[in-house]
Structures are given as C-alpha cells and as structure tokens.
Amino acid sequence: MENRDDILKRIHIALDEVRPFLKSDGGDITLVDLESDGTVKVQLHGACIGCSVNQMTLKSGVEMTIKKHAPEITSVVEVSMV
C-alpha cells in the first residue's frame, strides 16, 4: 500500500463528504483504523446505531465514496467500540 498518511487523508476527505448526509438523519461516522490489507474500519454514531439501513448506507454510500477517493481500499467495515 502506498503512503499511509496520504491514504488516510483521502479517507478523511471522503468521510467529510458523506458526513452531512449522516448528520441530516441524526448520525455520524468516525474512522477507527486502516488495516494493511486495505480494510477501513469505521464506527457509526447516533441514529446510525441500530438503524435498519445502516449496512446499506455503509456499503452504497460510505464505501463507494471512500473508494472513489482511495481506490486502493478493499473494503469498509463497521466496528463497535465498547
């Protein structure tokens, strides 16, 4: 994987792009980690937790936007922080 800092910067740009849509529904998203295999781990907050469409939002909205900015990303997964 190329420069980790550059990839993280592009992931943050992507999250900033989707954040207004999540916030309009009372939710939010945080980057948790970038794995060496290209997996991005995120945490959903607020109304996104327990929302019946959060997996669809994660795949069709968040993952698609992240991959647009950082095509080397292989997947985006949600993690819960306890």
C-alpha atoms as a PDB file:
ATOM      1  CA  MET A   1       0.000   0.000   0.000  1.00  0.00           C
ATOM      2  CA  GLU A   2       1.292   3.450  -0.856  1.00  0.00           C
ATOM      3  CA  ASN A   3       1.865   6.216   1.684  1.00  0.00           C
ATOM      4  CA  ARG A   4      -0.463   5.521   4.629  1.00  0.00           C
ATOM      5  CA  ASP A   5      -0.732   9.214   5.552  1.00  0.00           C
ATOM      6  CA  ASP A   6      -1.876  10.105   2.027  1.00  0.00           C
ATOM      7  CA  ILE A   7      -4.494   7.348   2.053  1.00  0.00           C
ATOM      8  CA  LEU A   8      -5.752   8.408   5.497  1.00  0.00           C
ATOM      9  CA  LYS A   9      -6.037  11.998   4.284  1.00  0.00           C
ATOM     10  CA  ARG A  10      -8.153  10.881   1.317  1.00  0.00           C
ATOM     11  CA  ILE A  11     -10.326   8.704   3.584  1.00  0.00           C
ATOM     12  CA  HIS A  12     -10.988  11.713   5.827  1.00  0.00           C
ATOM     13  CA  ILE A  13     -11.946  13.767   2.755  1.00  0.00           C
ATOM     14  CA  ALA A  14     -14.401  11.019   1.767  1.00  0.00           C
ATOM     15  CA  LEU A  15     -15.887  10.857   5.272  1.00  0.00           C
ATOM     16  CA  ASP A  16     -16.291  14.641   5.283  1.00  0.00           C
ATOM     17  CA  GLU A  17     -18.208  14.256   2.014  1.00  0.00           C
ATOM     18  CA  VAL A  18     -20.716  11.725   3.437  1.00  0.00           C
ATOM     19  CA  ARG A  19     -20.940  13.169   6.955  1.00  0.00           C
ATOM     20  CA  PRO A  20     -23.620  15.816   6.130  1.00  0.00           C
ATOM     21  CA  PHE A  21     -25.952  13.075   4.865  1.00  0.00           C
ATOM     22  CA  LEU A  22     -25.447  11.030   8.024  1.00  0.00           C
ATOM     23  CA  LYS A  23     -25.890  14.071  10.262  1.00  0.00           C
ATOM     24  CA  SER A  24     -29.126  15.009   8.493  1.00  0.00           C
ATOM     25  CA  ASP A  25     -30.517  11.719   9.842  1.00  0.00           C
ATOM     26  CA  GLY A  26     -29.026  12.230  13.313  1.00  0.00           C
ATOM     27  CA  GLY A  27     -25.937  10.071  12.781  1.00  0.00           C
ATOM     28  CA  ASP A  28     -22.204  10.419  12.300  1.00  0.00           C
ATOM     29  CA  ILE A  29     -19.135   8.353  11.424  1.00  0.00           C
ATOM     30  CA  THR A  30     -15.573   8.081  12.729  1.00  0.00           C
ATOM     31  CA  LEU A  31     -12.510   6.459  11.179  1.00  0.00           C
ATOM     32  CA  VAL A  32     -11.172   3.816  13.568  1.00  0.00           C
ATOM     33  CA  ASP A  33      -8.334   2.216  11.610  1.00  0.00           C
ATOM     34  CA  LEU A  34      -6.799   1.474   8.235  1.00  0.00           C
ATOM     35  CA  GLU A  35      -5.563  -2.113   8.057  1.00  0.00           C
ATOM     36  CA  SER A  36      -2.529  -3.118   5.988  1.00  0.00           C
ATOM     37  CA  ASP A  37      -4.796  -5.180   3.684  1.00  0.00           C
ATOM     38  CA  GLY A  38      -6.746  -2.055   2.682  1.00  0.00           C
ATOM     39  CA  THR A  39      -9.698  -2.580   5.018  1.00  0.00           C
ATOM     40  CA  VAL A  40     -11.084   0.594   6.558  1.00  0.00           C
ATOM     41  CA  LYS A  41     -12.709   0.265   9.978  1.00  0.00           C
ATOM     42  CA  VAL A  42     -15.317   2.863  10.891  1.00  0.00           C
ATOM     43  CA  GLN A  43     -17.656   3.458  13.789  1.00  0.00           C
ATOM     44  CA  LEU A  44     -21.195   4.721  13.292  1.00  0.00           C
ATOM     45  CA  HIS A  45     -22.713   7.046  15.892  1.00  0.00           C
ATOM     46  CA  GLY A  46     -26.083   8.428  16.936  1.00  0.00           C
ATOM     47  CA  ALA A  47     -29.112   7.400  14.925  1.00  0.00           C
ATOM     48  CA  CYS A  48     -26.902   5.244  12.668  1.00  0.00           C
ATOM     49  CA  ILE A  49     -26.515   2.731  15.504  1.00  0.00           C
ATOM     50  CA  GLY A  50     -29.291   0.190  15.190  1.00  0.00           C
ATOM     51  CA  CYS A  51     -30.703   1.798  12.052  1.00  0.00           C
ATOM     52  CA  SER A  52     -32.228  -0.826   9.768  1.00  0.00           C
ATOM     53  CA  VAL A  53     -30.490   0.592   6.697  1.00  0.00           C
ATOM     54  CA  ASN A  54     -27.047   1.282   8.189  1.00  0.00           C
ATOM     55  CA  GLN A  55     -25.380  -1.622   6.333  1.00  0.00           C
ATOM     56  CA  MET A  56     -26.841  -0.400   3.048  1.00  0.00           C
ATOM     57  CA  THR A  57     -25.637   3.126   3.868  1.00  0.00           C
ATOM     58  CA  LEU A  58     -22.222   1.759   4.783  1.00  0.00           C
ATOM     59  CA  LYS A  59     -21.802  -0.155   1.511  1.00  0.00           C
ATOM     60  CA  SER A  60     -23.565   2.052  -1.023  1.00  0.00           C
ATOM     61  CA  GLY A  61     -22.732   5.426   0.490  1.00  0.00           C
ATOM     62  CA  VAL A  62     -19.656   5.305   2.674  1.00  0.00           C
ATOM     63  CA  GLU A  63     -17.653   2.535   0.977  1.00  0.00           C
ATOM     64  CA  MET A  64     -18.409   3.833  -2.508  1.00  0.00           C
ATOM     65  CA  THR A  65     -17.294   7.361  -1.556  1.00  0.00           C
ATOM     66  CA  ILE A  66     -14.126   6.153   0.170  1.00  0.00           C
ATOM     67  CA  LYS A  67     -13.192   4.005  -2.845  1.00  0.00           C
ATOM     68  CA  LYS A  68     -13.799   6.990  -5.132  1.00  0.00           C
ATOM     69  CA  HIS A  69     -11.148   8.948  -3.206  1.00  0.00           C
ATOM     70  CA  ALA A  70      -8.895   5.980  -2.354  1.00  0.00           C
ATOM     71  CA  PRO A  71      -9.345   3.181  -4.918  1.00  0.00           C
ATOM     72  CA  GLU A  72      -6.758   1.012  -3.167  1.00  0.00           C
ATOM     73  CA  ILE A  73      -9.211   0.414  -0.313  1.00  0.00           C
ATOM     74  CA  THR A  74     -10.557  -3.144  -0.414  1.00  0.00           C
ATOM     75  CA  SER A  75     -13.498  -2.879   1.990  1.00  0.00           C
ATOM     76  CA  VAL A  76     -15.139  -0.795   4.687  1.00  0.00           C
ATOM     77  CA  VAL A  77     -16.400  -2.487   7.837  1.00  0.00           C
ATOM     78  CA  GLU A  78     -18.251  -1.195  10.863  1.00  0.00           C
ATOM     79  CA  VAL A  79     -16.820  -1.869  14.298  1.00  0.00           C
ATOM     80  CA  SER A  80     -18.483  -1.199  17.612  1.00  0.00           C
ATOM     81  CA  MET A  81     -16.458   0.363  20.353  1.00  0.00           C
ATOM     82  CA  VAL A  82     -17.474  -0.915  23.739  1.00  0.00           C
END
